[in-house]
Amino acid sequence: MAAGSVAGVYAQALLELGDERGNRAGVVESCRGLLGSSPKNALLSRALINQLDDPRLGKTKAKQVLKTALSSQVEGPLLDLLCLLIDRNRLSDAPAILAEAVRLDDLQVGRVQVDVVSATALTAVSRSAVESGVKRVLGPGAEISARVDPELIGGMTVRVGDVYLDGSIRRKLIDMKSRILDTQLSEKLWSEKE
């Protein structure tokens, strides 16, 4: 996301405020906590945002609800930002702003998020091998999150930002099917033998 975008501007300001208050790491962890590992388990869900954005609730009540719900779970600068977003009718931008703050912090400290999906759970030995290979290529800031997707049949996929590597058996079977279907057959193959 561009630094000049709405999310980029707010995210940069949030990180700078965290730096000023000496708690940038806490602010970033609070952002991660609100985002969750997926939209399904995010504390700041789309449903909550829609409820807080409801004009019938009012801005004062929305900020009160937000502070009551999140004051013990997030850092002060982040809570202040969310209240500011309510005042400016921009609470719907919060997930993008939080994601951008996490991305900017990761970029600054050299942290690279690597998502590894395998057909079966990685053993300690295979996870160690994947981690060492990834860190050799991407540097020591590479952090791996692994999950299982049995539909891959075998192998694994790796995602780093916009780069996606698919070494799964499912992908190989799809490619093989495509090559078979795209193969031109000679007309002599189907002609009657004399």
N, C-alpha and C. Protein backbone atom coordinates (compact mmCIF):
# COMPACT_ATOMS: atom_id res chain seq x y z
N MET A 1 0.85 -1.17 0.00
CA MET A 1 0.00 0.00 0.00
C MET A 1 0.89 1.23 0.00
N ALA A 2 0.52 2.21 -0.74
CA ALA A 2 1.34 3.41 -0.85
C ALA A 2 1.32 4.19 0.45
N ALA A 3 2.47 4.81 0.77
CA ALA A 3 2.58 5.57 2.01
C ALA A 3 1.64 6.77 2.00
N GLY A 4 1.26 7.26 0.83
CA GLY A 4 0.39 8.42 0.74
C GLY A 4 -1.08 8.06 0.80
N SER A 5 -1.41 6.78 0.85
CA SER A 5 -2.81 6.38 0.94
C SER A 5 -3.35 6.71 2.32
N VAL A 6 -4.66 6.69 2.46
CA VAL A 6 -5.28 6.98 3.76
C VAL A 6 -4.73 6.01 4.81
N ALA A 7 -4.72 4.73 4.50
CA ALA A 7 -4.22 3.75 5.46
C ALA A 7 -2.75 4.00 5.77
N GLY A 8 -1.97 4.34 4.75
CA GLY A 8 -0.55 4.58 4.95
C GLY A 8 -0.28 5.77 5.86
N VAL A 9 -1.03 6.84 5.67
CA VAL A 9 -0.85 8.05 6.48
C VAL A 9 -1.21 7.77 7.94
N TYR A 10 -2.37 7.16 8.16
CA TYR A 10 -2.78 6.86 9.53
C TYR A 10 -1.83 5.84 10.18
N ALA A 11 -1.42 4.84 9.42
CA ALA A 11 -0.53 3.82 9.97
C ALA A 11 0.81 4.43 10.37
N GLN A 12 1.36 5.28 9.53
CA GLN A 12 2.63 5.93 9.84
C GLN A 12 2.49 6.80 11.10
N ALA A 13 1.39 7.54 11.19
CA ALA A 13 1.16 8.39 12.36
C ALA A 13 1.02 7.53 13.63
N LEU A 14 0.35 6.39 13.52
CA LEU A 14 0.20 5.49 14.67
C LEU A 14 1.55 4.98 15.14
N LEU A 15 2.40 4.57 14.19
CA LEU A 15 3.72 4.07 14.56
C LEU A 15 4.59 5.17 15.17
N GLU A 16 4.49 6.37 14.63
CA GLU A 16 5.25 7.49 15.18
C GLU A 16 4.79 7.82 16.60
N LEU A 17 3.49 7.75 16.84
CA LEU A 17 2.96 7.98 18.18
C LEU A 17 3.44 6.89 19.14
N GLY A 18 3.48 5.66 18.65
CA GLY A 18 4.02 4.56 19.46
C GLY A 18 5.48 4.80 19.80
N ASP A 19 6.25 5.30 18.83
CA ASP A 19 7.66 5.63 19.07
C ASP A 19 7.79 6.73 20.13
N GLU A 20 6.96 7.79 20.00
CA GLU A 20 7.01 8.90 20.95
C GLU A 20 6.71 8.44 22.37
N ARG A 21 5.77 7.53 22.50
CA ARG A 21 5.38 7.04 23.83
C ARG A 21 6.22 5.85 24.28
N GLY A 22 7.20 5.47 23.44
CA GLY A 22 8.10 4.39 23.79
C GLY A 22 7.47 3.02 23.83
N ASN A 23 6.41 2.83 23.04
CA ASN A 23 5.72 1.54 23.08
C ASN A 23 5.30 1.08 21.70
N ARG A 24 6.18 1.25 20.74
CA ARG A 24 5.85 0.86 19.36
C ARG A 24 5.56 -0.64 19.26
N ALA A 25 6.37 -1.45 19.92
CA ALA A 25 6.17 -2.90 19.84
C ALA A 25 4.79 -3.29 20.39
N GLY A 26 4.38 -2.66 21.48
CA GLY A 26 3.06 -2.94 22.04
C GLY A 26 1.94 -2.52 21.11
N VAL A 27 2.13 -1.38 20.45
CA VAL A 27 1.12 -0.89 19.50
C VAL A 27 0.99 -1.86 18.33
N VAL A 28 2.12 -2.32 17.81
CA VAL A 28 2.09 -3.25 16.68
C VAL A 28 1.44 -4.58 17.10
N GLU A 29 1.77 -5.07 18.29
CA GLU A 29 1.15 -6.31 18.76
C GLU A 29 -0.35 -6.13 18.97
N SER A 30 -0.76 -4.95 19.42
CA SER A 30 -2.20 -4.67 19.56
C SER A 30 -2.88 -4.70 18.19
N CYS A 31 -2.19 -4.15 17.18
CA CYS A 31 -2.73 -4.20 15.81
C CYS A 31 -2.90 -5.64 15.36
N ARG A 32 -1.87 -6.45 15.60
CA ARG A 32 -1.95 -7.87 15.23
C ARG A 32 -3.11 -8.55 15.95
N GLY A 33 -3.28 -8.24 17.23
CA GLY A 33 -4.35 -8.85 18.01
C GLY A 33 -5.73 -8.48 17.49
N LEU A 34 -5.92 -7.21 17.12
CA LEU A 34 -7.21 -6.80 16.60
C LEU A 34 -7.50 -7.41 15.24
N LEU A 35 -6.44 -7.56 14.43
CA LEU A 35 -6.63 -8.14 13.10
C LEU A 35 -6.87 -9.64 13.18
N GLY A 36 -6.26 -10.30 14.16
CA GLY A 36 -6.36 -11.75 14.26
C GLY A 36 -5.61 -12.42 13.13
N SER A 37 -5.57 -13.72 13.15
CA SER A 37 -4.87 -14.45 12.10
C SER A 37 -5.73 -14.59 10.85
N SER A 38 -7.03 -14.35 10.99
CA SER A 38 -7.93 -14.38 9.84
C SER A 38 -9.14 -13.49 10.16
N PRO A 39 -9.88 -13.07 9.14
CA PRO A 39 -11.05 -12.22 9.41
C PRO A 39 -12.07 -12.87 10.35
N LYS A 40 -12.11 -14.20 10.38
CA LYS A 40 -13.07 -14.89 11.24
C LYS A 40 -12.79 -14.69 12.72
N ASN A 41 -11.50 -14.60 13.09
CA ASN A 41 -11.18 -14.47 14.51
C ASN A 41 -10.61 -13.11 14.88
N ALA A 42 -10.88 -12.10 14.08
CA ALA A 42 -10.41 -10.75 14.36
C ALA A 42 -11.27 -10.13 15.46
N LEU A 43 -10.63 -9.47 16.42
CA LEU A 43 -11.38 -8.76 17.47
C LEU A 43 -12.15 -7.59 16.88
N LEU A 44 -11.53 -6.92 15.92
CA LEU A 44 -12.18 -5.79 15.24
C LEU A 44 -12.79 -6.32 13.95
N SER A 45 -13.89 -7.01 14.10
CA SER A 45 -14.53 -7.67 12.95
C SER A 45 -15.36 -6.67 12.15
N ARG A 46 -15.69 -7.06 10.94
CA ARG A 46 -16.52 -6.23 10.07
C ARG A 46 -17.88 -6.00 10.73
N ALA A 47 -18.42 -7.00 11.43
CA ALA A 47 -19.72 -6.85 12.10
C ALA A 47 -19.64 -5.80 13.20
N LEU A 48 -18.56 -5.82 13.99
CA LEU A 48 -18.39 -4.82 15.06
C LEU A 48 -18.26 -3.43 14.46
N ILE A 49 -17.48 -3.32 13.41
CA ILE A 49 -17.30 -2.01 12.75
C ILE A 49 -18.64 -1.49 12.26
N ASN A 50 -19.44 -2.35 11.64
CA ASN A 50 -20.75 -1.93 11.15
C ASN A 50 -21.67 -1.48 12.29
N GLN A 51 -21.60 -2.18 13.42
CA GLN A 51 -22.42 -1.78 14.57
C GLN A 51 -21.99 -0.43 15.12
N LEU A 52 -20.67 -0.22 15.21
CA LEU A 52 -20.16 1.04 15.75
C LEU A 52 -20.36 2.20 14.78
N ASP A 53 -20.45 1.89 13.50
CA ASP A 53 -20.67 2.93 12.47
C ASP A 53 -22.14 3.30 12.32
N ASP A 54 -23.01 2.57 12.97
CA ASP A 54 -24.45 2.83 12.85
C ASP A 54 -24.77 4.23 13.39
N PRO A 55 -25.35 5.11 12.57
CA PRO A 55 -25.64 6.47 13.01
C PRO A 55 -26.60 6.53 14.21
N ARG A 56 -27.43 5.51 14.37
CA ARG A 56 -28.36 5.50 15.50
C ARG A 56 -27.62 5.38 16.83
N LEU A 57 -26.42 4.78 16.81
CA LEU A 57 -25.65 4.62 18.03
C LEU A 57 -25.02 5.94 18.46
N GLY A 58 -24.57 6.71 17.51
CA GLY A 58 -23.94 8.00 17.82
C GLY A 58 -22.45 7.81 18.10
N LYS A 59 -21.69 8.85 17.81
CA LYS A 59 -20.23 8.77 17.95
C LYS A 59 -19.79 8.64 19.40
N THR A 60 -20.43 9.37 20.30
CA THR A 60 -20.05 9.33 21.71
C THR A 60 -20.26 7.93 22.28
N LYS A 61 -21.41 7.36 22.01
CA LYS A 61 -21.73 6.01 22.50
C LYS A 61 -20.81 4.97 21.84
N ALA A 62 -20.53 5.14 20.55
CA ALA A 62 -19.65 4.21 19.84
C ALA A 62 -18.26 4.21 20.46
N LYS A 63 -17.73 5.38 20.77
CA LYS A 63 -16.41 5.47 21.40
C LYS A 63 -16.43 4.87 22.79
N GLN A 64 -17.51 5.07 23.50
CA GLN A 64 -17.66 4.51 24.85
C GLN A 64 -17.66 2.98 24.78
N VAL A 65 -18.42 2.44 23.85
CA VAL A 65 -18.48 0.98 23.68
C VAL A 65 -17.10 0.44 23.30
N LEU A 66 -16.43 1.11 22.39
CA LEU A 66 -15.11 0.69 21.94
C LEU A 66 -14.11 0.70 23.10
N LYS A 67 -14.12 1.77 23.88
CA LYS A 67 -13.20 1.86 25.02
C LYS A 67 -13.49 0.78 26.05
N THR A 68 -14.76 0.53 26.32
CA THR A 68 -15.12 -0.51 27.28
C THR A 68 -14.68 -1.89 26.79
N ALA A 69 -14.89 -2.14 25.51
CA ALA A 69 -14.58 -3.45 24.95
C ALA A 69 -13.09 -3.71 24.79
N LEU A 70 -12.32 -2.66 24.44
CA LEU A 70 -10.93 -2.90 24.05
C LEU A 70 -9.87 -2.28 24.96
N SER A 71 -10.26 -1.49 25.95
CA SER A 71 -9.26 -0.76 26.73
C SER A 71 -8.24 -1.67 27.40
N SER A 72 -8.64 -2.85 27.82
CA SER A 72 -7.69 -3.76 28.48
C SER A 72 -6.92 -4.63 27.48
N GLN A 73 -7.31 -4.57 26.21
CA GLN A 73 -6.70 -5.46 25.23
C GLN A 73 -5.77 -4.76 24.24
N VAL A 74 -5.85 -3.44 24.14
CA VAL A 74 -5.01 -2.73 23.17
C VAL A 74 -4.29 -1.57 23.85
N GLU A 75 -3.23 -1.13 23.23
CA GLU A 75 -2.45 -0.01 23.74
C GLU A 75 -3.19 1.31 23.52
N GLY A 76 -2.90 2.29 24.37
CA GLY A 76 -3.55 3.59 24.33
C GLY A 76 -3.53 4.28 22.98
N PRO A 77 -2.36 4.36 22.31
CA PRO A 77 -2.35 5.05 21.01
C PRO A 77 -3.29 4.42 19.98
N LEU A 78 -3.43 3.12 20.03
CA LEU A 78 -4.32 2.44 19.09
C LEU A 78 -5.78 2.74 19.43
N LEU A 79 -6.10 2.74 20.70
CA LEU A 79 -7.46 3.07 21.11
C LEU A 79 -7.79 4.52 20.74
N ASP A 80 -6.80 5.42 20.92
CA ASP A 80 -6.99 6.82 20.52
C ASP A 80 -7.25 6.93 19.02
N LEU A 81 -6.51 6.15 18.24
CA LEU A 81 -6.70 6.18 16.78
C LEU A 81 -8.10 5.70 16.41
N LEU A 82 -8.55 4.62 17.04
CA LEU A 82 -9.88 4.09 16.72
C LEU A 82 -10.97 5.11 17.06
N CYS A 83 -10.80 5.82 18.16
CA CYS A 83 -11.77 6.87 18.52
C CYS A 83 -11.72 8.02 17.50
N LEU A 84 -10.52 8.37 17.05
CA LEU A 84 -10.39 9.40 16.03
C LEU A 84 -11.07 8.97 14.73
N LEU A 85 -10.92 7.69 14.38
CA LEU A 85 -11.57 7.17 13.17
C LEU A 85 -13.08 7.24 13.29
N ILE A 86 -13.60 7.01 14.48
CA ILE A 86 -15.05 7.14 14.68
C ILE A 86 -15.46 8.59 14.46
N ASP A 87 -14.69 9.53 15.05
CA ASP A 87 -15.01 10.96 14.89
C ASP A 87 -14.99 11.38 13.42
N ARG A 88 -14.09 10.80 12.64
CA ARG A 88 -13.94 11.20 11.24
C ARG A 88 -14.71 10.30 10.27
N ASN A 89 -15.58 9.46 10.80
CA ASN A 89 -16.37 8.52 9.98
C ASN A 89 -15.49 7.63 9.11
N ARG A 90 -14.39 7.18 9.66
CA ARG A 90 -13.45 6.34 8.91
C ARG A 90 -13.17 5.02 9.62
N LEU A 91 -14.03 4.59 10.51
CA LEU A 91 -13.78 3.35 11.23
C LEU A 91 -13.71 2.16 10.28
N SER A 92 -14.39 2.23 9.16
CA SER A 92 -14.34 1.12 8.20
C SER A 92 -12.95 0.96 7.59
N ASP A 93 -12.10 2.01 7.69
CA ASP A 93 -10.73 1.93 7.20
C ASP A 93 -9.79 1.28 8.22
N ALA A 94 -10.27 1.03 9.43
CA ALA A 94 -9.40 0.53 10.50
C ALA A 94 -8.64 -0.76 10.14
N PRO A 95 -9.29 -1.78 9.58
CA PRO A 95 -8.52 -3.00 9.26
C PRO A 95 -7.36 -2.74 8.29
N ALA A 96 -7.59 -1.90 7.29
CA ALA A 96 -6.51 -1.58 6.34
C ALA A 96 -5.40 -0.80 7.02
N ILE A 97 -5.76 0.11 7.92
CA ILE A 97 -4.77 0.91 8.64
C ILE A 97 -3.93 0.02 9.55
N LEU A 98 -4.59 -0.87 10.28
CA LEU A 98 -3.86 -1.77 11.18
C LEU A 98 -2.94 -2.70 10.40
N ALA A 99 -3.43 -3.24 9.29
CA ALA A 99 -2.60 -4.12 8.46
C ALA A 99 -1.40 -3.37 7.91
N GLU A 100 -1.61 -2.11 7.51
CA GLU A 100 -0.51 -1.31 6.99
C GLU A 100 0.50 -0.99 8.09
N ALA A 101 0.04 -0.74 9.30
CA ALA A 101 0.96 -0.48 10.42
C ALA A 101 1.83 -1.71 10.69
N VAL A 102 1.23 -2.88 10.66
CA VAL A 102 1.99 -4.12 10.86
C VAL A 102 2.99 -4.30 9.73
N ARG A 103 2.54 -4.06 8.49
CA ARG A 103 3.42 -4.21 7.33
C ARG A 103 4.60 -3.25 7.40
N LEU A 104 4.34 -1.99 7.74
CA LEU A 104 5.41 -1.00 7.84
C LEU A 104 6.41 -1.37 8.93
N ASP A 105 5.91 -1.84 10.06
CA ASP A 105 6.81 -2.24 11.15
C ASP A 105 7.64 -3.44 10.72
N ASP A 106 7.01 -4.42 10.10
CA ASP A 106 7.75 -5.60 9.62
C ASP A 106 8.84 -5.19 8.64
N LEU A 107 8.52 -4.29 7.74
CA LEU A 107 9.47 -3.80 6.75
C LEU A 107 10.65 -3.10 7.42
N GLN A 108 10.35 -2.29 8.41
CA GLN A 108 11.40 -1.53 9.07
C GLN A 108 12.36 -2.42 9.87
N VAL A 109 11.83 -3.44 10.52
CA VAL A 109 12.70 -4.30 11.33
C VAL A 109 13.24 -5.50 10.55
N GLY A 110 12.88 -5.60 9.28
CA GLY A 110 13.40 -6.70 8.45
C GLY A 110 12.69 -8.02 8.66
N ARG A 111 11.47 -7.96 9.16
CA ARG A 111 10.70 -9.18 9.40
C ARG A 111 9.92 -9.52 8.13
N VAL A 112 9.97 -10.76 7.74
CA VAL A 112 9.26 -11.22 6.55
C VAL A 112 8.33 -12.35 6.96
N GLN A 113 7.05 -12.19 6.66
CA GLN A 113 6.07 -13.22 6.98
C GLN A 113 6.02 -14.24 5.85
N VAL A 114 6.20 -15.50 6.21
CA VAL A 114 6.18 -16.59 5.24
C VAL A 114 5.07 -17.55 5.64
N ASP A 115 4.11 -17.75 4.75
CA ASP A 115 3.01 -18.68 5.01
C ASP A 115 3.28 -19.98 4.27
N VAL A 116 3.39 -21.06 5.04
CA VAL A 116 3.65 -22.38 4.47
C VAL A 116 2.41 -23.23 4.70
N VAL A 117 1.89 -23.80 3.63
CA VAL A 117 0.74 -24.69 3.73
C VAL A 117 1.18 -26.05 3.20
N SER A 118 0.97 -27.09 4.00
CA SER A 118 1.37 -28.43 3.58
C SER A 118 0.17 -29.36 3.66
N ALA A 119 0.29 -30.50 2.98
CA ALA A 119 -0.80 -31.46 2.94
C ALA A 119 -0.97 -32.16 4.29
N THR A 120 0.12 -32.36 4.99
CA THR A 120 0.09 -32.95 6.34
C THR A 120 0.92 -32.06 7.26
N ALA A 121 0.74 -32.26 8.54
CA ALA A 121 1.48 -31.45 9.52
C ALA A 121 2.98 -31.68 9.35
N LEU A 122 3.74 -30.59 9.41
CA LEU A 122 5.19 -30.70 9.28
C LEU A 122 5.77 -31.33 10.55
N THR A 123 6.67 -32.27 10.35
CA THR A 123 7.38 -32.83 11.50
C THR A 123 8.40 -31.79 11.96
N ALA A 124 8.96 -31.99 13.13
CA ALA A 124 9.96 -31.05 13.65
C ALA A 124 11.15 -30.95 12.70
N VAL A 125 11.55 -32.08 12.13
CA VAL A 125 12.69 -32.10 11.22
C VAL A 125 12.36 -31.35 9.92
N SER A 126 11.18 -31.61 9.34
CA SER A 126 10.83 -30.95 8.09
C SER A 126 10.58 -29.45 8.31
N ARG A 127 9.99 -29.09 9.45
CA ARG A 127 9.79 -27.66 9.74
C ARG A 127 11.13 -26.96 9.88
N SER A 128 12.07 -27.61 10.55
CA SER A 128 13.41 -27.04 10.72
C SER A 128 14.10 -26.86 9.38
N ALA A 129 13.94 -27.84 8.49
CA ALA A 129 14.55 -27.76 7.16
C ALA A 129 13.93 -26.61 6.35
N VAL A 130 12.60 -26.47 6.42
CA VAL A 130 11.91 -25.39 5.71
C VAL A 130 12.37 -24.04 6.27
N GLU A 131 12.41 -23.92 7.60
CA GLU A 131 12.83 -22.67 8.23
C GLU A 131 14.24 -22.28 7.84
N SER A 132 15.16 -23.24 7.88
CA SER A 132 16.55 -22.92 7.54
C SER A 132 16.68 -22.53 6.08
N GLY A 133 15.96 -23.19 5.19
CA GLY A 133 15.98 -22.84 3.77
C GLY A 133 15.41 -21.46 3.51
N VAL A 134 14.29 -21.16 4.16
CA VAL A 134 13.66 -19.85 3.99
C VAL A 134 14.56 -18.75 4.55
N LYS A 135 15.14 -18.97 5.72
CA LYS A 135 16.01 -17.96 6.32
C LYS A 135 17.29 -17.76 5.52
N ARG A 136 17.76 -18.82 4.86
CA ARG A 136 18.94 -18.70 4.01
C ARG A 136 18.64 -17.78 2.83
N VAL A 137 17.44 -17.89 2.29
CA VAL A 137 17.07 -17.08 1.13
C VAL A 137 16.60 -15.68 1.52
N LEU A 138 15.77 -15.58 2.57
CA LEU A 138 15.14 -14.30 2.91
C LEU A 138 15.81 -13.56 4.07
N GLY A 139 16.70 -14.21 4.77
CA GLY A 139 17.37 -13.56 5.89
C GLY A 139 16.81 -14.02 7.22
N PRO A 140 17.48 -13.63 8.30
CA PRO A 140 17.09 -14.11 9.62
C PRO A 140 15.76 -13.56 10.13
N GLY A 141 15.21 -12.55 9.47
CA GLY A 141 13.94 -11.97 9.90
C GLY A 141 12.73 -12.72 9.39
N ALA A 142 12.93 -13.81 8.69
CA ALA A 142 11.81 -14.58 8.15
C ALA A 142 11.10 -15.32 9.27
N GLU A 143 9.78 -15.14 9.35
CA GLU A 143 8.96 -15.82 10.34
C GLU A 143 7.96 -16.70 9.61
N ILE A 144 7.94 -17.96 9.97
CA ILE A 144 7.11 -18.93 9.27
C ILE A 144 5.85 -19.23 10.07
N SER A 145 4.72 -19.19 9.38
CA SER A 145 3.48 -19.69 9.96
C SER A 145 3.05 -20.86 9.08
N ALA A 146 2.82 -21.99 9.72
CA ALA A 146 2.48 -23.20 8.97
C ALA A 146 1.06 -23.63 9.29
N ARG A 147 0.39 -24.13 8.26
CA ARG A 147 -0.93 -24.71 8.46
C ARG A 147 -1.09 -25.89 7.51
N VAL A 148 -2.14 -26.66 7.72
CA VAL A 148 -2.36 -27.88 6.95
C VAL A 148 -3.59 -27.73 6.06
N ASP A 149 -3.47 -28.18 4.80
CA ASP A 149 -4.60 -28.23 3.87
C ASP A 149 -4.53 -29.57 3.15
N PRO A 150 -5.32 -30.55 3.58
CA PRO A 150 -5.26 -31.90 2.99
C PRO A 150 -5.58 -31.93 1.49
N GLU A 151 -6.25 -30.89 0.98
CA GLU A 151 -6.59 -30.85 -0.44
C GLU A 151 -5.36 -30.73 -1.33
N LEU A 152 -4.22 -30.39 -0.76
CA LEU A 152 -2.99 -30.31 -1.55
C LEU A 152 -2.50 -31.70 -1.98
N ILE A 153 -2.99 -32.73 -1.34
CA ILE A 153 -2.65 -34.13 -1.58
C ILE A 153 -1.24 -34.44 -1.08
N GLY A 154 -0.27 -33.66 -1.43
CA GLY A 154 1.12 -33.82 -1.01
C GLY A 154 1.88 -32.56 -1.33
N GLY A 155 3.07 -32.42 -0.82
CA GLY A 155 3.87 -31.23 -1.09
C GLY A 155 3.44 -30.05 -0.25
N MET A 156 3.79 -28.84 -0.71
CA MET A 156 3.45 -27.63 0.04
C MET A 156 3.42 -26.41 -0.86
N THR A 157 2.82 -25.35 -0.32
CA THR A 157 2.83 -24.05 -0.98
C THR A 157 3.49 -23.06 -0.02
N VAL A 158 4.13 -22.05 -0.59
CA VAL A 158 4.80 -21.02 0.20
C VAL A 158 4.39 -19.66 -0.36
N ARG A 159 3.97 -18.75 0.54
CA ARG A 159 3.61 -17.40 0.13
C ARG A 159 4.44 -16.41 0.93
N VAL A 160 5.11 -15.52 0.19
CA VAL A 160 5.87 -14.42 0.79
C VAL A 160 5.40 -13.16 0.11
N GLY A 161 4.56 -12.39 0.79
CA GLY A 161 4.00 -11.19 0.17
C GLY A 161 3.18 -11.56 -1.06
N ASP A 162 3.58 -11.03 -2.21
CA ASP A 162 2.86 -11.31 -3.45
C ASP A 162 3.41 -12.51 -4.21
N VAL A 163 4.48 -13.11 -3.69
CA VAL A 163 5.10 -14.24 -4.36
C VAL A 163 4.49 -15.54 -3.82
N TYR A 164 4.04 -16.38 -4.74
CA TYR A 164 3.38 -17.63 -4.36
C TYR A 164 4.06 -18.78 -5.09
N LEU A 165 4.59 -19.72 -4.33
CA LEU A 165 5.23 -20.90 -4.90
C LEU A 165 4.37 -22.11 -4.58
N ASP A 166 4.01 -22.87 -5.60
CA ASP A 166 3.13 -24.02 -5.40
C ASP A 166 3.85 -25.29 -5.83
N GLY A 167 4.27 -26.06 -4.85
CA GLY A 167 4.93 -27.33 -5.12
C GLY A 167 4.06 -28.49 -4.67
N SER A 168 2.75 -28.31 -4.75
CA SER A 168 1.84 -29.35 -4.29
C SER A 168 1.56 -30.38 -5.38
N ILE A 169 1.17 -31.55 -4.95
CA ILE A 169 0.78 -32.62 -5.88
C ILE A 169 -0.48 -32.19 -6.64
N ARG A 170 -1.39 -31.51 -5.95
CA ARG A 170 -2.61 -31.04 -6.62
C ARG A 170 -2.26 -30.17 -7.82
N ARG A 171 -1.32 -29.22 -7.66
CA ARG A 171 -0.91 -28.34 -8.76
C ARG A 171 -0.29 -29.16 -9.88
N LYS A 172 0.54 -30.14 -9.53
CA LYS A 172 1.18 -30.96 -10.56
C LYS A 172 0.15 -31.76 -11.34
N LEU A 173 -0.88 -32.27 -10.66
CA LEU A 173 -1.94 -33.01 -11.35
C LEU A 173 -2.74 -32.08 -12.27
N ILE A 174 -3.01 -30.88 -11.81
CA ILE A 174 -3.74 -29.91 -12.64
C ILE A 174 -2.92 -29.56 -13.87
N ASP A 175 -1.62 -29.34 -13.69
CA ASP A 175 -0.75 -29.03 -14.83
C ASP A 175 -0.68 -30.20 -15.81
N MET A 176 -0.60 -31.41 -15.26
CA MET A 176 -0.53 -32.60 -16.11
C MET A 176 -1.82 -32.75 -16.91
N LYS A 177 -2.96 -32.55 -16.28
CA LYS A 177 -4.24 -32.63 -16.97
C LYS A 177 -4.31 -31.60 -18.09
N SER A 178 -3.85 -30.39 -17.80
CA SER A 178 -3.87 -29.32 -18.79
C SER A 178 -3.00 -29.67 -20.00
N ARG A 179 -1.82 -30.21 -19.73
CA ARG A 179 -0.93 -30.60 -20.85
C ARG A 179 -1.54 -31.72 -21.67
N ILE A 180 -2.17 -32.67 -21.02
CA ILE A 180 -2.79 -33.79 -21.74
C ILE A 180 -3.92 -33.27 -22.63
N LEU A 181 -4.75 -32.39 -22.08
CA LEU A 181 -5.88 -31.87 -22.84
C LEU A 181 -5.45 -30.94 -23.97
N ASP A 182 -4.30 -30.29 -23.81
CA ASP A 182 -3.81 -29.36 -24.83
C ASP A 182 -2.98 -30.05 -25.91
N THR A 183 -2.66 -31.30 -25.72
CA THR A 183 -1.83 -32.02 -26.69
C THR A 183 -2.61 -32.27 -27.97
N GLN A 184 -1.98 -31.94 -29.09
CA GLN A 184 -2.60 -32.17 -30.39
C GLN A 184 -2.38 -33.62 -30.79
N LEU A 185 -3.43 -34.25 -31.21
CA LEU A 185 -3.34 -35.64 -31.64
C LEU A 185 -3.31 -35.70 -33.16
N SER A 186 -2.55 -36.63 -33.65
CA SER A 186 -2.47 -36.84 -35.09
C SER A 186 -3.77 -37.45 -35.58
N GLU A 187 -4.20 -37.05 -36.77
CA GLU A 187 -5.43 -37.60 -37.34
C GLU A 187 -5.27 -39.07 -37.66
N LYS A 188 -4.06 -39.51 -37.88
CA LYS A 188 -3.81 -40.91 -38.19
C LYS A 188 -4.13 -41.81 -37.01
N LEU A 189 -4.09 -41.25 -35.81
CA LEU A 189 -4.35 -42.05 -34.62
C LEU A 189 -5.75 -42.66 -34.65
N TRP A 190 -6.72 -41.93 -35.19
CA TRP A 190 -8.08 -42.39 -35.16
C TRP A 190 -8.55 -42.99 -36.49
N SER A 191 -7.68 -42.98 -37.49
CA SER A 191 -8.11 -43.54 -38.77
C SER A 191 -8.09 -45.06 -38.70
N GLU A 192 -8.92 -45.66 -39.54
CA GLU A 192 -9.00 -47.11 -39.54
C GLU A 192 -7.75 -47.69 -40.17
N LYS A 193 -7.28 -48.77 -39.60
CA LYS A 193 -6.09 -49.43 -40.13
C LYS A 193 -6.51 -50.29 -41.32
N GLU A 194 -5.65 -50.33 -42.27
CA GLU A 194 -5.96 -51.13 -43.46
C GLU A 194 -5.42 -52.50 -43.37
